[in-house]
Amino acid sequence: MPSTTVPVGSSVGLHARPAAVIAARAAELGSDITLAVEGEEPVDAGSALMIMTLGAEQGTEVTVEGDDEAHVTEIAELVRTDLDA
């Protein structure tokens, strides 16, 4: 299963707005994609609420994993981007 690890780019971490943007795009893609921080269980990237439970702050390494490599890459780029800018 394709996966990649990227740092959180948003200055507020993966909180309300960034989580909503990521979840909306993951849901549109329609494939199984998860996000995880080290030592924690992966969460569904299609759920903003679940993304926020990660508690990932700016710079935290997040592993993005899924069935489709292109979708994993796209979601990873959103995680890496400052979505609050």
N, C-alpha and C. Protein backbone atom coordinates (compact mmCIF):
# COMPACT_ATOMS: atom_id res chain seq x y z
N MET A 1 0.85 -1.17 0.00
CA MET A 1 0.00 0.00 0.00
C MET A 1 0.90 1.24 0.00
N PRO A 2 0.69 2.16 -0.94
CA PRO A 2 1.53 3.35 -1.02
C PRO A 2 1.39 4.23 0.22
N SER A 3 2.51 4.78 0.67
CA SER A 3 2.48 5.71 1.79
C SER A 3 3.64 6.68 1.67
N THR A 4 3.48 7.82 2.32
CA THR A 4 4.54 8.82 2.38
C THR A 4 4.38 9.58 3.69
N THR A 5 5.48 10.12 4.19
CA THR A 5 5.45 10.89 5.42
C THR A 5 5.89 12.31 5.12
N VAL A 6 5.07 13.27 5.58
CA VAL A 6 5.32 14.68 5.32
C VAL A 6 5.07 15.50 6.58
N PRO A 7 5.73 16.66 6.70
CA PRO A 7 5.46 17.53 7.85
C PRO A 7 4.19 18.36 7.60
N VAL A 8 3.47 18.66 8.67
CA VAL A 8 2.29 19.52 8.58
C VAL A 8 2.76 20.94 8.27
N GLY A 9 2.18 21.53 7.23
CA GLY A 9 2.58 22.86 6.81
C GLY A 9 1.76 23.99 7.38
N SER A 10 0.53 23.72 7.77
CA SER A 10 -0.35 24.78 8.26
C SER A 10 0.15 25.32 9.60
N SER A 11 0.13 26.64 9.71
CA SER A 11 0.64 27.29 10.92
C SER A 11 -0.17 26.93 12.16
N VAL A 12 -1.43 26.54 12.00
CA VAL A 12 -2.25 26.13 13.15
C VAL A 12 -2.32 24.62 13.28
N GLY A 13 -1.55 23.90 12.49
CA GLY A 13 -1.60 22.44 12.51
C GLY A 13 -2.84 21.94 11.79
N LEU A 14 -3.17 20.68 12.02
CA LEU A 14 -4.33 20.10 11.33
C LEU A 14 -5.59 20.33 12.17
N HIS A 15 -5.98 21.60 12.24
CA HIS A 15 -7.18 21.96 12.98
C HIS A 15 -8.31 22.26 12.00
N ALA A 16 -9.33 22.96 12.40
CA ALA A 16 -10.59 23.09 11.68
C ALA A 16 -10.48 23.30 10.16
N ARG A 17 -9.93 24.41 9.72
CA ARG A 17 -9.92 24.69 8.28
C ARG A 17 -9.04 23.71 7.50
N PRO A 18 -7.79 23.50 7.90
CA PRO A 18 -6.97 22.54 7.15
C PRO A 18 -7.59 21.13 7.14
N ALA A 19 -8.12 20.71 8.27
CA ALA A 19 -8.73 19.38 8.34
C ALA A 19 -9.92 19.29 7.41
N ALA A 20 -10.72 20.35 7.34
CA ALA A 20 -11.90 20.35 6.47
C ALA A 20 -11.50 20.29 4.99
N VAL A 21 -10.47 21.04 4.62
CA VAL A 21 -10.00 21.03 3.23
C VAL A 21 -9.49 19.64 2.85
N ILE A 22 -8.68 19.05 3.71
CA ILE A 22 -8.12 17.72 3.44
C ILE A 22 -9.22 16.68 3.37
N ALA A 23 -10.15 16.72 4.33
CA ALA A 23 -11.23 15.74 4.36
C ALA A 23 -12.13 15.85 3.13
N ALA A 24 -12.43 17.06 2.71
CA ALA A 24 -13.28 17.25 1.53
C ALA A 24 -12.62 16.66 0.29
N ARG A 25 -11.34 16.92 0.13
CA ARG A 25 -10.65 16.39 -1.06
C ARG A 25 -10.52 14.87 -0.98
N ALA A 26 -10.22 14.33 0.18
CA ALA A 26 -10.12 12.88 0.34
C ALA A 26 -11.45 12.22 0.00
N ALA A 27 -12.55 12.81 0.45
CA ALA A 27 -13.87 12.26 0.16
C ALA A 27 -14.16 12.30 -1.34
N GLU A 28 -13.77 13.39 -2.00
CA GLU A 28 -13.96 13.51 -3.45
C GLU A 28 -13.19 12.44 -4.21
N LEU A 29 -12.00 12.11 -3.72
CA LEU A 29 -11.17 11.12 -4.42
C LEU A 29 -11.78 9.73 -4.34
N GLY A 30 -12.49 9.44 -3.27
CA GLY A 30 -13.22 8.19 -3.17
C GLY A 30 -12.39 6.94 -2.94
N SER A 31 -11.14 7.09 -2.50
CA SER A 31 -10.35 5.90 -2.18
C SER A 31 -10.04 5.91 -0.69
N ASP A 32 -9.64 4.76 -0.17
CA ASP A 32 -9.31 4.67 1.25
C ASP A 32 -7.96 5.32 1.52
N ILE A 33 -7.98 6.40 2.28
CA ILE A 33 -6.75 7.13 2.62
C ILE A 33 -6.77 7.37 4.12
N THR A 34 -5.64 7.13 4.77
CA THR A 34 -5.54 7.38 6.21
C THR A 34 -4.39 8.32 6.50
N LEU A 35 -4.48 8.97 7.65
CA LEU A 35 -3.42 9.83 8.16
C LEU A 35 -3.04 9.29 9.53
N ALA A 36 -1.76 9.34 9.86
CA ALA A 36 -1.32 8.88 11.17
C ALA A 36 -0.09 9.65 11.63
N VAL A 37 0.00 9.84 12.94
CA VAL A 37 1.22 10.36 13.56
C VAL A 37 1.86 9.19 14.29
N GLU A 38 3.15 9.28 14.48
CA GLU A 38 3.90 8.17 15.09
C GLU A 38 3.30 7.76 16.43
N GLY A 39 3.12 6.47 16.59
CA GLY A 39 2.64 5.93 17.84
C GLY A 39 1.13 5.93 18.01
N GLU A 40 0.40 6.43 17.02
CA GLU A 40 -1.06 6.50 17.10
C GLU A 40 -1.70 5.71 15.96
N GLU A 41 -2.95 5.34 16.16
CA GLU A 41 -3.70 4.62 15.13
C GLU A 41 -4.02 5.56 13.97
N PRO A 42 -4.01 5.03 12.74
CA PRO A 42 -4.40 5.86 11.59
C PRO A 42 -5.87 6.25 11.66
N VAL A 43 -6.17 7.42 11.08
CA VAL A 43 -7.55 7.90 11.02
C VAL A 43 -7.95 8.11 9.56
N ASP A 44 -9.25 8.08 9.32
CA ASP A 44 -9.81 8.28 7.98
C ASP A 44 -9.57 9.72 7.53
N ALA A 45 -8.90 9.88 6.39
CA ALA A 45 -8.61 11.22 5.87
C ALA A 45 -9.86 11.91 5.36
N GLY A 46 -10.95 11.18 5.19
CA GLY A 46 -12.20 11.76 4.73
C GLY A 46 -13.04 12.36 5.85
N SER A 47 -12.53 12.36 7.07
CA SER A 47 -13.27 12.89 8.22
C SER A 47 -12.47 14.00 8.90
N ALA A 48 -12.98 15.23 8.80
CA ALA A 48 -12.29 16.36 9.43
C ALA A 48 -12.17 16.16 10.94
N LEU A 49 -13.21 15.64 11.56
CA LEU A 49 -13.18 15.41 13.00
C LEU A 49 -12.07 14.43 13.38
N MET A 50 -11.95 13.34 12.62
CA MET A 50 -10.91 12.36 12.91
C MET A 50 -9.51 12.94 12.68
N ILE A 51 -9.36 13.76 11.66
CA ILE A 51 -8.07 14.40 11.39
C ILE A 51 -7.68 15.28 12.58
N MET A 52 -8.64 16.02 13.12
CA MET A 52 -8.34 16.91 14.24
C MET A 52 -7.93 16.13 15.49
N THR A 53 -8.40 14.88 15.63
CA THR A 53 -8.03 14.09 16.81
C THR A 53 -6.56 13.71 16.81
N LEU A 54 -5.88 13.86 15.67
CA LEU A 54 -4.45 13.55 15.62
C LEU A 54 -3.64 14.54 16.47
N GLY A 55 -4.16 15.75 16.63
CA GLY A 55 -3.43 16.76 17.40
C GLY A 55 -2.14 17.18 16.73
N ALA A 56 -2.07 17.07 15.41
CA ALA A 56 -0.84 17.36 14.68
C ALA A 56 -0.63 18.87 14.53
N GLU A 57 0.45 19.37 15.08
CA GLU A 57 0.82 20.78 14.99
C GLU A 57 1.74 20.99 13.79
N GLN A 58 2.01 22.25 13.47
CA GLN A 58 2.91 22.56 12.36
C GLN A 58 4.24 21.85 12.58
N GLY A 59 4.72 21.17 11.55
CA GLY A 59 5.99 20.47 11.60
C GLY A 59 5.89 19.01 12.03
N THR A 60 4.77 18.61 12.60
CA THR A 60 4.57 17.21 12.99
C THR A 60 4.61 16.33 11.75
N GLU A 61 5.31 15.21 11.82
CA GLU A 61 5.37 14.28 10.71
C GLU A 61 4.09 13.44 10.67
N VAL A 62 3.43 13.43 9.51
CA VAL A 62 2.18 12.69 9.32
C VAL A 62 2.38 11.70 8.17
N THR A 63 2.00 10.46 8.40
CA THR A 63 2.08 9.44 7.36
C THR A 63 0.73 9.34 6.67
N VAL A 64 0.77 9.48 5.36
CA VAL A 64 -0.42 9.38 4.52
C VAL A 64 -0.33 8.05 3.79
N GLU A 65 -1.38 7.23 3.90
CA GLU A 65 -1.36 5.90 3.30
C GLU A 65 -2.70 5.66 2.61
N GLY A 66 -2.66 4.93 1.50
CA GLY A 66 -3.90 4.63 0.79
C GLY A 66 -3.70 3.62 -0.31
N ASP A 67 -4.79 3.37 -1.02
CA ASP A 67 -4.80 2.37 -2.09
C ASP A 67 -4.21 2.89 -3.40
N ASP A 68 -4.31 4.19 -3.62
CA ASP A 68 -3.92 4.79 -4.90
C ASP A 68 -2.77 5.77 -4.68
N GLU A 69 -1.65 5.51 -5.32
CA GLU A 69 -0.45 6.34 -5.09
C GLU A 69 -0.67 7.80 -5.46
N ALA A 70 -1.39 8.07 -6.53
CA ALA A 70 -1.66 9.46 -6.93
C ALA A 70 -2.50 10.17 -5.89
N HIS A 71 -3.46 9.47 -5.31
CA HIS A 71 -4.31 10.07 -4.28
C HIS A 71 -3.51 10.32 -3.00
N VAL A 72 -2.65 9.39 -2.64
CA VAL A 72 -1.78 9.56 -1.47
C VAL A 72 -0.91 10.80 -1.67
N THR A 73 -0.34 10.94 -2.84
CA THR A 73 0.53 12.09 -3.14
C THR A 73 -0.25 13.39 -3.05
N GLU A 74 -1.47 13.41 -3.57
CA GLU A 74 -2.28 14.63 -3.54
C GLU A 74 -2.64 15.04 -2.11
N ILE A 75 -3.06 14.09 -1.29
CA ILE A 75 -3.40 14.40 0.09
C ILE A 75 -2.15 14.79 0.87
N ALA A 76 -1.03 14.13 0.61
CA ALA A 76 0.23 14.50 1.28
C ALA A 76 0.60 15.94 0.97
N GLU A 77 0.39 16.38 -0.25
CA GLU A 77 0.70 17.76 -0.61
C GLU A 77 -0.19 18.74 0.13
N LEU A 78 -1.45 18.37 0.35
CA LEU A 78 -2.34 19.23 1.14
C LEU A 78 -1.86 19.31 2.59
N VAL A 79 -1.43 18.19 3.15
CA VAL A 79 -0.92 18.17 4.53
C VAL A 79 0.32 19.08 4.62
N ARG A 80 1.16 19.04 3.62
CA ARG A 80 2.42 19.80 3.59
C ARG A 80 2.21 21.30 3.37
N THR A 81 1.06 21.67 2.79
CA THR A 81 0.78 23.06 2.43
C THR A 81 0.20 23.83 3.62
N ASP A 82 0.53 25.13 3.71
CA ASP A 82 -0.09 25.97 4.73
C ASP A 82 -1.47 26.37 4.25
N LEU A 83 -2.48 25.64 4.66
CA LEU A 83 -3.85 25.85 4.21
C LEU A 83 -4.52 27.03 4.92
N ASP A 84 -3.81 27.67 5.84
CA ASP A 84 -4.33 28.86 6.50
C ASP A 84 -3.75 30.14 5.92
N ALA A 85 -2.86 30.00 4.96
CA ALA A 85 -2.20 31.18 4.38
C ALA A 85 -3.16 31.96 3.49
